[in-house]
Amino acid sequence: MMERRIHAIVLVMAMLGLPAAASGQAFDPTRAEGWEEARHAKVIQGRLYEKLGRHSLSIFGGVIPNDEMSWVFPLGARHSWFLSETMALEWGGTYCFDTPTSLANRLGPEDRRRLQNPRETLRWSATAAFLWYPFYGKFALLGSTLAHFDIGLRGGLGAVGIEKREIVGQVENYANKVKVAGQVGLVGMLYLSRYFALRMDLDALLYPASGKNVKVPFEILVGACLILPAMN
């Protein structure tokens, strides 16, 4: 009877695919070491939503909160091409709207001339970036369904359009400039289905400002992503 039970346990363990011992021996249910090794077996599942060879289109909106004088609201779109499950090329652009902060509204003419002269505001950006998605997984959503996600890193180059405002005497002059910019950030994808996902980006643009300064506007972007079928 004992031998039959042992044979049954061995058969069940083989069906579950438990690994062999580190020494190369087959799993032995009569050895305590065998159960210890089986308990520490690592199982890594494949991605449920595969992206290899697919393209995605994203639209988004957001805010740039780290400008003391203006609330800047970027709106834009991006197109991605997935070279593999973990790597993608992406290009896109934004157009920015702005409104004065409460601090800027309280400034008088002399304070504006002293603190905001010249004043540079981000108007648009166009970038090409490389994306790397090293993290993926799933979590229980409201205890009733599983939500799948990817988290990635981005780095890229592009150009930005700057509106420069300068007060000369009683006149406020405007000029538009184009500058080379770098971009780094994080990307999060929450998949709703094989074709749709919610997306969140945390990006930082880096470009030269007046003098020898470097401007670093920080973007918080939220949007929707359409993932197209793979092209044969």
C-alpha atoms as a PDB file:
ATOM      1  CA  MET A   1       0.000   0.000   0.000  1.00  0.00           C
ATOM      2  CA  MET A   2       2.812   2.417   0.904  1.00  0.00           C
ATOM      3  CA  GLU A   3       4.546   1.750  -2.424  1.00  0.00           C
ATOM      4  CA  ARG A   4       1.352   2.552  -4.344  1.00  0.00           C
ATOM      5  CA  ARG A   5       0.999   5.865  -2.521  1.00  0.00           C
ATOM      6  CA  ILE A   6       4.586   6.802  -3.292  1.00  0.00           C
ATOM      7  CA  HIS A   7       4.126   5.929  -6.965  1.00  0.00           C
ATOM      8  CA  ALA A   8       0.945   8.052  -7.105  1.00  0.00           C
ATOM      9  CA  ILE A   9       2.733  11.050  -5.546  1.00  0.00           C
ATOM     10  CA  VAL A  10       5.617  10.725  -8.003  1.00  0.00           C
ATOM     11  CA  LEU A  11       3.155  10.635 -10.910  1.00  0.00           C
ATOM     12  CA  VAL A  12       1.373  13.799  -9.684  1.00  0.00           C
ATOM     13  CA  MET A  13       4.666  15.623  -9.194  1.00  0.00           C
ATOM     14  CA  ALA A  14       5.793  14.697 -12.705  1.00  0.00           C
ATOM     15  CA  MET A  15       2.515  16.015 -14.170  1.00  0.00           C
ATOM     16  CA  LEU A  16       2.981  19.322 -12.314  1.00  0.00           C
ATOM     17  CA  GLY A  17       6.450  19.675 -13.814  1.00  0.00           C
ATOM     18  CA  LEU A  18       8.341  19.994 -10.529  1.00  0.00           C
ATOM     19  CA  PRO A  19      12.055  20.449 -11.172  1.00  0.00           C
ATOM     20  CA  ALA A  20      14.716  17.884 -10.539  1.00  0.00           C
ATOM     21  CA  ALA A  21      17.019  18.354  -7.602  1.00  0.00           C
ATOM     22  CA  ALA A  22      20.001  20.624  -8.024  1.00  0.00           C
ATOM     23  CA  SER A  23      22.238  17.565  -8.092  1.00  0.00           C
ATOM     24  CA  GLY A  24      20.481  16.381 -11.264  1.00  0.00           C
ATOM     25  CA  GLN A  25      18.594  13.558  -9.530  1.00  0.00           C
ATOM     26  CA  ALA A  26      14.871  13.004 -10.147  1.00  0.00           C
ATOM     27  CA  PHE A  27      12.379  14.279  -7.581  1.00  0.00           C
ATOM     28  CA  ASP A  28      12.190  11.846  -4.655  1.00  0.00           C
ATOM     29  CA  PRO A  29       9.102  12.304  -2.416  1.00  0.00           C
ATOM     30  CA  THR A  30      10.777  10.306   0.348  1.00  0.00           C
ATOM     31  CA  ARG A  31      13.590  12.884   0.685  1.00  0.00           C
ATOM     32  CA  ALA A  32      12.989  16.071   2.694  1.00  0.00           C
ATOM     33  CA  GLU A  33      15.472  17.886   0.449  1.00  0.00           C
ATOM     34  CA  GLY A  34      13.356  17.084  -2.599  1.00  0.00           C
ATOM     35  CA  TRP A  35      10.272  18.774  -1.134  1.00  0.00           C
ATOM     36  CA  GLU A  36      12.364  21.797  -0.106  1.00  0.00           C
ATOM     37  CA  GLU A  37      13.664  22.232  -3.658  1.00  0.00           C
ATOM     38  CA  ALA A  38      10.185  21.789  -5.141  1.00  0.00           C
ATOM     39  CA  ARG A  39       8.770  24.453  -2.813  1.00  0.00           C
ATOM     40  CA  HIS A  40      11.277  27.010  -4.124  1.00  0.00           C
ATOM     41  CA  ALA A  41      10.583  26.342  -7.803  1.00  0.00           C
ATOM     42  CA  LYS A  42      10.170  29.566  -9.822  1.00  0.00           C
ATOM     43  CA  VAL A  43       7.404  29.838 -12.398  1.00  0.00           C
ATOM     44  CA  ILE A  44       7.458  32.796 -14.835  1.00  0.00           C
ATOM     45  CA  GLN A  45       4.436  33.051 -17.091  1.00  0.00           C
ATOM     46  CA  GLY A  46       4.466  34.490 -20.571  1.00  0.00           C
ATOM     47  CA  ARG A  47       2.759  37.773 -21.438  1.00  0.00           C
ATOM     48  CA  LEU A  48      -0.967  37.471 -22.029  1.00  0.00           C
ATOM     49  CA  TYR A  49      -1.020  40.413 -24.464  1.00  0.00           C
ATOM     50  CA  GLU A  50       1.783  39.992 -27.003  1.00  0.00           C
ATOM     51  CA  LYS A  51       3.097  43.039 -28.901  1.00  0.00           C
ATOM     52  CA  LEU A  52       5.847  41.727 -31.199  1.00  0.00           C
ATOM     53  CA  GLY A  53       5.556  43.333 -34.653  1.00  0.00           C
ATOM     54  CA  ARG A  54       2.508  45.395 -33.698  1.00  0.00           C
ATOM     55  CA  HIS A  55       1.946  49.154 -33.866  1.00  0.00           C
ATOM     56  CA  SER A  56       0.107  51.328 -31.363  1.00  0.00           C
ATOM     57  CA  LEU A  57      -1.464  54.781 -31.506  1.00  0.00           C
ATOM     58  CA  SER A  58      -1.824  56.831 -28.315  1.00  0.00           C
ATOM     59  CA  ILE A  59      -3.571  60.103 -27.556  1.00  0.00           C
ATOM     60  CA  PHE A  60      -3.032  61.860 -24.244  1.00  0.00           C
ATOM     61  CA  GLY A  61      -3.323  64.992 -22.201  1.00  0.00           C
ATOM     62  CA  GLY A  62      -1.677  66.146 -19.026  1.00  0.00           C
ATOM     63  CA  VAL A  63       0.010  68.886 -17.060  1.00  0.00           C
ATOM     64  CA  ILE A  64       3.475  70.334 -16.467  1.00  0.00           C
ATOM     65  CA  PRO A  65       3.331  71.284 -12.772  1.00  0.00           C
ATOM     66  CA  ASN A  66       6.877  72.517 -12.107  1.00  0.00           C
ATOM     67  CA  ASP A  67       6.547  76.018 -13.620  1.00  0.00           C
ATOM     68  CA  GLU A  68       5.985  78.613 -10.914  1.00  0.00           C
ATOM     69  CA  MET A  69       4.490  81.180 -13.277  1.00  0.00           C
ATOM     70  CA  SER A  70       2.324  79.064 -15.589  1.00  0.00           C
ATOM     71  CA  TRP A  71       0.200  75.941 -15.587  1.00  0.00           C
ATOM     72  CA  VAL A  72       1.126  74.232 -18.851  1.00  0.00           C
ATOM     73  CA  PHE A  73      -1.230  71.636 -20.372  1.00  0.00           C
ATOM     74  CA  PRO A  74       0.241  69.440 -23.147  1.00  0.00           C
ATOM     75  CA  LEU A  75      -2.005  67.567 -25.592  1.00  0.00           C
ATOM     76  CA  GLY A  76      -0.621  65.174 -28.165  1.00  0.00           C
ATOM     77  CA  ALA A  77      -0.269  61.793 -29.829  1.00  0.00           C
ATOM     78  CA  ARG A  78       2.390  59.083 -30.215  1.00  0.00           C
ATOM     79  CA  HIS A  79       2.973  56.134 -32.524  1.00  0.00           C
ATOM     80  CA  SER A  80       4.917  53.050 -31.354  1.00  0.00           C
ATOM     81  CA  TRP A  81       6.397  50.133 -33.271  1.00  0.00           C
ATOM     82  CA  PHE A  82       7.238  47.077 -31.138  1.00  0.00           C
ATOM     83  CA  LEU A  83      10.503  45.474 -32.226  1.00  0.00           C
ATOM     84  CA  SER A  84      10.027  42.750 -29.588  1.00  0.00           C
ATOM     85  CA  GLU A  85       7.951  42.139 -26.475  1.00  0.00           C
ATOM     86  CA  THR A  86      10.281  44.385 -24.478  1.00  0.00           C
ATOM     87  CA  MET A  87      11.557  46.987 -26.983  1.00  0.00           C
ATOM     88  CA  ALA A  88       9.849  49.599 -29.155  1.00  0.00           C
ATOM     89  CA  LEU A  89      10.550  52.701 -31.205  1.00  0.00           C
ATOM     90  CA  GLU A  90       8.219  55.643 -30.713  1.00  0.00           C
ATOM     91  CA  TRP A  91       7.736  59.109 -32.167  1.00  0.00           C
ATOM     92  CA  GLY A  92       5.157  61.785 -31.499  1.00  0.00           C
ATOM     93  CA  GLY A  93       4.498  65.339 -30.474  1.00  0.00           C
ATOM     94  CA  THR A  94       2.581  67.666 -28.196  1.00  0.00           C
ATOM     95  CA  TYR A  95       1.101  71.143 -28.308  1.00  0.00           C
ATOM     96  CA  CYS A  96       0.970  73.091 -25.053  1.00  0.00           C
ATOM     97  CA  PHE A  97      -1.587  75.526 -23.661  1.00  0.00           C
ATOM     98  CA  ASP A  98      -0.803  77.630 -20.609  1.00  0.00           C
ATOM     99  CA  THR A  99      -2.529  79.772 -18.016  1.00  0.00           C
ATOM    100  CA  PRO A 100      -0.928  81.970 -15.310  1.00  0.00           C
ATOM    101  CA  THR A 101      -0.620  80.624 -11.796  1.00  0.00           C
ATOM    102  CA  SER A 102      -1.993  82.524  -8.808  1.00  0.00           C
ATOM    103  CA  LEU A 103       1.557  83.740  -8.097  1.00  0.00           C
ATOM    104  CA  ALA A 104       1.907  85.201 -11.591  1.00  0.00           C
ATOM    105  CA  ASN A 105      -1.476  86.934 -11.305  1.00  0.00           C
ATOM    106  CA  ARG A 106      -0.380  88.683  -8.096  1.00  0.00           C
ATOM    107  CA  LEU A 107       2.749  90.171  -9.640  1.00  0.00           C
ATOM    108  CA  GLY A 108       2.731  93.853 -10.514  1.00  0.00           C
ATOM    109  CA  PRO A 109       4.395  95.364 -13.605  1.00  0.00           C
ATOM    110  CA  GLU A 110       7.722  95.940 -11.849  1.00  0.00           C
ATOM    111  CA  ASP A 111       7.801  92.428 -10.381  1.00  0.00           C
ATOM    112  CA  ARG A 112       7.042  90.941 -13.784  1.00  0.00           C
ATOM    113  CA  ARG A 113       9.843  92.956 -15.343  1.00  0.00           C
ATOM    114  CA  ARG A 114      12.253  91.806 -12.631  1.00  0.00           C
ATOM    115  CA  LEU A 115      11.266  88.122 -12.368  1.00  0.00           C
ATOM    116  CA  GLN A 116       9.955  87.248 -15.833  1.00  0.00           C
ATOM    117  CA  ASN A 117      12.161  89.194 -18.186  1.00  0.00           C
ATOM    118  CA  PRO A 118      12.722  87.359 -20.427  1.00  0.00           C
ATOM    119  CA  ARG A 119      10.019  84.728 -19.984  1.00  0.00           C
ATOM    120  CA  GLU A 120      10.212  81.447 -21.960  1.00  0.00           C
ATOM    121  CA  THR A 121       7.181  79.153 -22.332  1.00  0.00           C
ATOM    122  CA  LEU A 122       7.059  75.687 -23.909  1.00  0.00           C
ATOM    123  CA  ARG A 123       4.701  75.703 -26.907  1.00  0.00           C
ATOM    124  CA  TRP A 124       5.293  72.340 -28.630  1.00  0.00           C
ATOM    125  CA  SER A 125       7.577  69.319 -28.652  1.00  0.00           C
ATOM    126  CA  ALA A 126       8.426  66.594 -31.182  1.00  0.00           C
ATOM    127  CA  THR A 127      10.518  63.599 -30.114  1.00  0.00           C
ATOM    128  CA  ALA A 128      11.669  60.153 -31.204  1.00  0.00           C
ATOM    129  CA  ALA A 129      12.418  57.677 -28.414  1.00  0.00           C
ATOM    130  CA  PHE A 130      13.498  54.136 -27.604  1.00  0.00           C
ATOM    131  CA  LEU A 131      11.290  52.244 -25.135  1.00  0.00           C
ATOM    132  CA  TRP A 132      12.314  49.282 -23.000  1.00  0.00           C
ATOM    133  CA  TYR A 133       9.707  47.324 -21.006  1.00  0.00           C
ATOM    134  CA  PRO A 134      11.617  45.206 -18.451  1.00  0.00           C
ATOM    135  CA  PHE A 135       8.676  44.818 -16.043  1.00  0.00           C
ATOM    136  CA  TYR A 136       5.342  43.143 -16.638  1.00  0.00           C
ATOM    137  CA  GLY A 137       2.800  41.444 -14.436  1.00  0.00           C
ATOM    138  CA  LYS A 138      -0.770  41.272 -13.229  1.00  0.00           C
ATOM    139  CA  PHE A 139      -2.778  42.146 -10.146  1.00  0.00           C
ATOM    140  CA  ALA A 140      -6.276  41.550  -8.812  1.00  0.00           C
ATOM    141  CA  LEU A 141      -8.633  44.400  -9.718  1.00  0.00           C
ATOM    142  CA  LEU A 142     -11.478  44.841  -7.209  1.00  0.00           C
ATOM    143  CA  GLY A 143     -11.003  41.210  -6.222  1.00  0.00           C
ATOM    144  CA  SER A 144     -12.956  39.998  -9.246  1.00  0.00           C
ATOM    145  CA  THR A 145     -10.694  40.186 -12.300  1.00  0.00           C
ATOM    146  CA  LEU A 146      -7.020  40.210 -13.252  1.00  0.00           C
ATOM    147  CA  ALA A 147      -5.444  43.340 -14.718  1.00  0.00           C
ATOM    148  CA  HIS A 148      -2.257  43.022 -16.798  1.00  0.00           C
ATOM    149  CA  PHE A 149       0.340  45.787 -17.040  1.00  0.00           C
ATOM    150  CA  ASP A 150       3.747  46.728 -18.465  1.00  0.00           C
ATOM    151  CA  ILE A 151       6.185  49.275 -17.021  1.00  0.00           C
ATOM    152  CA  GLY A 152       8.936  50.666 -19.221  1.00  0.00           C
ATOM    153  CA  LEU A 153      11.697  53.237 -19.551  1.00  0.00           C
ATOM    154  CA  ARG A 154      12.063  55.754 -22.359  1.00  0.00           C
ATOM    155  CA  GLY A 155      14.890  57.867 -23.700  1.00  0.00           C
ATOM    156  CA  GLY A 156      14.897  60.034 -26.784  1.00  0.00           C
ATOM    157  CA  LEU A 157      15.828  63.179 -28.673  1.00  0.00           C
ATOM    158  CA  GLY A 158      13.833  65.820 -30.465  1.00  0.00           C
ATOM    159  CA  ALA A 159      13.011  69.485 -30.705  1.00  0.00           C
ATOM    160  CA  VAL A 160      10.897  71.942 -28.732  1.00  0.00           C
ATOM    161  CA  GLY A 161       9.275  75.213 -29.695  1.00  0.00           C
ATOM    162  CA  ILE A 162       9.725  78.042 -27.193  1.00  0.00           C
ATOM    163  CA  GLU A 163       7.794  81.307 -27.022  1.00  0.00           C
ATOM    164  CA  LYS A 164      10.037  84.027 -25.588  1.00  0.00           C
ATOM    165  CA  ARG A 165       8.420  87.092 -24.038  1.00  0.00           C
ATOM    166  CA  GLU A 166      10.592  90.081 -23.186  1.00  0.00           C
ATOM    167  CA  ILE A 167       9.519  93.463 -21.797  1.00  0.00           C
ATOM    168  CA  VAL A 168      11.384  96.400 -23.330  1.00  0.00           C
ATOM    169  CA  GLY A 169      10.218  99.700 -21.836  1.00  0.00           C
ATOM    170  CA  GLN A 170       6.442  99.549 -21.914  1.00  0.00           C
ATOM    171  CA  VAL A 171       6.300  97.037 -24.782  1.00  0.00           C
ATOM    172  CA  GLU A 172       6.195  93.255 -24.450  1.00  0.00           C
ATOM    173  CA  ASN A 173       7.921  91.567 -27.401  1.00  0.00           C
ATOM    174  CA  TYR A 174       7.300  87.968 -28.531  1.00  0.00           C
ATOM    175  CA  ALA A 175       9.688  85.667 -30.395  1.00  0.00           C
ATOM    176  CA  ASN A 176       9.545  81.952 -31.271  1.00  0.00           C
ATOM    177  CA  LYS A 177      12.601  79.710 -31.032  1.00  0.00           C
ATOM    178  CA  VAL A 178      13.321  76.051 -31.815  1.00  0.00           C
ATOM    179  CA  LYS A 179      15.752  74.171 -29.569  1.00  0.00           C
ATOM    180  CA  VAL A 180      17.197  70.664 -29.456  1.00  0.00           C
ATOM    181  CA  ALA A 181      15.853  68.643 -26.505  1.00  0.00           C
ATOM    182  CA  GLY A 182      16.415  65.351 -24.741  1.00  0.00           C
ATOM    183  CA  GLN A 183      13.741  63.237 -23.104  1.00  0.00           C
ATOM    184  CA  VAL A 184      13.740  60.601 -20.343  1.00  0.00           C
ATOM    185  CA  GLY A 185      10.849  59.027 -18.493  1.00  0.00           C
ATOM    186  CA  LEU A 186       8.664  56.136 -17.399  1.00  0.00           C
ATOM    187  CA  VAL A 187       5.793  54.478 -19.288  1.00  0.00           C
ATOM    188  CA  GLY A 188       2.967  52.428 -17.777  1.00  0.00           C
ATOM    189  CA  MET A 189       0.448  50.369 -19.793  1.00  0.00           C
ATOM    190  CA  LEU A 190      -2.700  48.881 -18.227  1.00  0.00           C
ATOM    191  CA  TYR A 191      -4.290  46.475 -20.722  1.00  0.00           C
ATOM    192  CA  LEU A 192      -8.069  46.409 -21.068  1.00  0.00           C
ATOM    193  CA  SER A 193      -7.989  43.918 -23.943  1.00  0.00           C
ATOM    194  CA  ARG A 194      -5.680  42.739 -26.711  1.00  0.00           C
ATOM    195  CA  TYR A 195      -6.308  45.971 -28.605  1.00  0.00           C
ATOM    196  CA  PHE A 196      -6.881  48.667 -25.970  1.00  0.00           C
ATOM    197  CA  ALA A 197      -4.882  49.942 -23.022  1.00  0.00           C
ATOM    198  CA  LEU A 198      -4.738  52.868 -20.640  1.00  0.00           C
ATOM    199  CA  ARG A 199      -1.372  54.607 -20.609  1.00  0.00           C
ATOM    200  CA  MET A 200       0.468  56.899 -18.199  1.00  0.00           C
ATOM    201  CA  ASP A 201       3.745  58.688 -18.938  1.00  0.00           C
ATOM    202  CA  LEU A 202       6.052  60.556 -16.571  1.00  0.00           C
ATOM    203  CA  ASP A 203       8.487  62.447 -18.799  1.00  0.00           C
ATOM    204  CA  ALA A 204      11.181  65.057 -18.355  1.00  0.00           C
ATOM    205  CA  LEU A 205      12.309  67.261 -21.234  1.00  0.00           C
ATOM    206  CA  LEU A 206      15.750  68.842 -21.113  1.00  0.00           C
ATOM    207  CA  TYR A 207      16.696  71.828 -23.283  1.00  0.00           C
ATOM    208  CA  PRO A 208      18.906  74.948 -22.970  1.00  0.00           C
ATOM    209  CA  ALA A 209      17.300  78.057 -21.488  1.00  0.00           C
ATOM    210  CA  SER A 210      18.437  81.683 -21.321  1.00  0.00           C
ATOM    211  CA  GLY A 211      22.063  82.073 -20.351  1.00  0.00           C
ATOM    212  CA  LYS A 212      23.740  78.793 -19.453  1.00  0.00           C
ATOM    213  CA  ASN A 213      20.714  77.304 -17.709  1.00  0.00           C
ATOM    214  CA  VAL A 214      18.916  74.079 -18.559  1.00  0.00           C
ATOM    215  CA  LYS A 215      15.133  73.951 -18.480  1.00  0.00           C
ATOM    216  CA  VAL A 216      13.571  70.684 -17.260  1.00  0.00           C
ATOM    217  CA  PRO A 217       9.752  70.696 -17.577  1.00  0.00           C
ATOM    218  CA  PHE A 218       8.228  67.566 -16.016  1.00  0.00           C
ATOM    219  CA  GLU A 219       5.186  66.115 -17.808  1.00  0.00           C
ATOM    220  CA  ILE A 220       2.440  63.987 -16.240  1.00  0.00           C
ATOM    221  CA  LEU A 221       0.458  62.456 -19.123  1.00  0.00           C
ATOM    222  CA  VAL A 222      -2.582  60.161 -19.170  1.00  0.00           C
ATOM    223  CA  GLY A 223      -4.159  58.727 -22.307  1.00  0.00           C
ATOM    224  CA  ALA A 224      -5.674  55.877 -24.288  1.00  0.00           C
ATOM    225  CA  CYS A 225      -3.786  53.470 -26.522  1.00  0.00           C
ATOM    226  CA  LEU A 226      -5.028  51.510 -29.559  1.00  0.00           C
ATOM    227  CA  ILE A 227      -2.832  48.477 -30.334  1.00  0.00           C
ATOM    228  CA  LEU A 228      -3.210  47.419 -33.961  1.00  0.00           C
ATOM    229  CA  PRO A 229      -3.134  43.765 -35.109  1.00  0.00           C
ATOM    230  CA  ALA A 230       0.223  42.406 -36.238  1.00  0.00           C
ATOM    231  CA  MET A 231       0.969  42.780 -39.949  1.00  0.00           C
ATOM    232  CA  ASN A 232       1.874  39.512 -41.650  1.00  0.00           C
END
